[in-house]
């Protein structure tokens, strides 16, 4: 099944669909093993187009307050 390891996350009127590993990395949960393409929260956010190349996650958070 292609969708069994995915989560849908709502924030206000917006939502995102994440693989379980991606969500855990973004939530800061320590994991024993990660797939090779799941490196950092920044890499995940950039892959989804949520973070421009020259902006850190903290800067993006501060701008969206």
C-alpha atoms as a PDB file:
ATOM      1  CA  UNK A   1       0.000   0.000   0.000  1.00  0.00           C
ATOM      2  CA  UNK A   2       1.377   3.379  -0.930  1.00  0.00           C
ATOM      3  CA  UNK A   3      -0.550   5.449   1.622  1.00  0.00           C
ATOM      4  CA  UNK A   4      -0.255   3.386   4.776  1.00  0.00           C
ATOM      5  CA  UNK A   5       2.759   5.279   6.154  1.00  0.00           C
ATOM      6  CA  UNK A   6       1.371   8.780   5.653  1.00  0.00           C
ATOM      7  CA  UNK A   7      -0.184  11.328   7.997  1.00  0.00           C
ATOM      8  CA  UNK A   8      -2.349  14.340   7.301  1.00  0.00           C
ATOM      9  CA  UNK A   9      -1.597  17.363   9.491  1.00  0.00           C
ATOM     10  CA  UNK A  10      -3.914  20.359   9.785  1.00  0.00           C
ATOM     11  CA  UNK A  11      -2.902  23.854  10.886  1.00  0.00           C
ATOM     12  CA  UNK A  12      -5.771  26.269  10.640  1.00  0.00           C
ATOM     13  CA  UNK A  13      -7.109  26.112   7.091  1.00  0.00           C
ATOM     14  CA  UNK A  14      -3.915  24.558   5.733  1.00  0.00           C
ATOM     15  CA  UNK A  15      -2.868  20.947   5.686  1.00  0.00           C
ATOM     16  CA  UNK A  16       0.056  18.770   4.699  1.00  0.00           C
ATOM     17  CA  UNK A  17       0.436  15.098   3.931  1.00  0.00           C
ATOM     18  CA  UNK A  18       3.679  13.670   5.267  1.00  0.00           C
ATOM     19  CA  UNK A  19       5.329  10.292   5.401  1.00  0.00           C
ATOM     20  CA  UNK A  20       5.520   9.136   9.023  1.00  0.00           C
ATOM     21  CA  UNK A  21       9.319   9.506   9.115  1.00  0.00           C
ATOM     22  CA  UNK A  22       9.100  13.075   7.770  1.00  0.00           C
ATOM     23  CA  UNK A  23       6.587  14.080  10.405  1.00  0.00           C
ATOM     24  CA  UNK A  24       8.663  12.564  13.195  1.00  0.00           C
ATOM     25  CA  UNK A  25      11.779  14.431  12.020  1.00  0.00           C
ATOM     26  CA  UNK A  26       9.836  17.720  11.818  1.00  0.00           C
ATOM     27  CA  UNK A  27       8.375  17.117  15.286  1.00  0.00           C
ATOM     28  CA  UNK A  28      11.842  16.502  16.728  1.00  0.00           C
ATOM     29  CA  UNK A  29      11.233  12.891  17.724  1.00  0.00           C
ATOM     30  CA  UNK A  30      14.526  10.942  17.873  1.00  0.00           C
ATOM     31  CA  UNK A  31      14.519   7.959  15.519  1.00  0.00           C
ATOM     32  CA  UNK A  32      16.899   4.998  15.405  1.00  0.00           C
ATOM     33  CA  UNK A  33      16.923   4.684  11.643  1.00  0.00           C
ATOM     34  CA  UNK A  34      15.919   6.994   8.838  1.00  0.00           C
ATOM     35  CA  UNK A  35      15.637   6.374   5.137  1.00  0.00           C
ATOM     36  CA  UNK A  36      18.719   7.842   3.385  1.00  0.00           C
ATOM     37  CA  UNK A  37      16.763  10.694   1.771  1.00  0.00           C
ATOM     38  CA  UNK A  38      15.343  11.951   5.113  1.00  0.00           C
ATOM     39  CA  UNK A  39      18.199  14.003   6.486  1.00  0.00           C
ATOM     40  CA  UNK A  40      17.041  17.140   8.262  1.00  0.00           C
ATOM     41  CA  UNK A  41      13.925  19.207   8.917  1.00  0.00           C
ATOM     42  CA  UNK A  42      15.298  21.855   6.558  1.00  0.00           C
ATOM     43  CA  UNK A  43      15.679  19.326   3.727  1.00  0.00           C
ATOM     44  CA  UNK A  44      12.113  18.081   4.241  1.00  0.00           C
ATOM     45  CA  UNK A  45      10.652  21.605   4.331  1.00  0.00           C
ATOM     46  CA  UNK A  46      12.568  22.619   1.213  1.00  0.00           C
ATOM     47  CA  UNK A  47      11.407  19.492  -0.613  1.00  0.00           C
ATOM     48  CA  UNK A  48       7.802  20.544  -0.017  1.00  0.00           C
ATOM     49  CA  UNK A  49       8.508  24.149  -1.025  1.00  0.00           C
ATOM     50  CA  UNK A  50       7.868  25.426   2.503  1.00  0.00           C
ATOM     51  CA  UNK A  51      11.304  26.939   2.952  1.00  0.00           C
ATOM     52  CA  UNK A  52      13.194  29.048   0.406  1.00  0.00           C
ATOM     53  CA  UNK A  53      16.870  28.114  -0.077  1.00  0.00           C
ATOM     54  CA  UNK A  54      18.181  31.124   1.856  1.00  0.00           C
ATOM     55  CA  UNK A  55      15.784  31.056   4.857  1.00  0.00           C
ATOM     56  CA  UNK A  56      16.245  29.050   8.056  1.00  0.00           C
ATOM     57  CA  UNK A  57      13.256  27.351   9.746  1.00  0.00           C
ATOM     58  CA  UNK A  58      13.478  29.799  12.669  1.00  0.00           C
ATOM     59  CA  UNK A  59      13.316  32.792  10.315  1.00  0.00           C
ATOM     60  CA  UNK A  60      10.297  31.275   8.520  1.00  0.00           C
ATOM     61  CA  UNK A  61       8.561  30.654  11.856  1.00  0.00           C
ATOM     62  CA  UNK A  62       9.164  34.231  13.021  1.00  0.00           C
ATOM     63  CA  UNK A  63       7.802  35.630   9.729  1.00  0.00           C
ATOM     64  CA  UNK A  64       4.584  33.583  10.024  1.00  0.00           C
ATOM     65  CA  UNK A  65       3.695  34.543  13.593  1.00  0.00           C
END
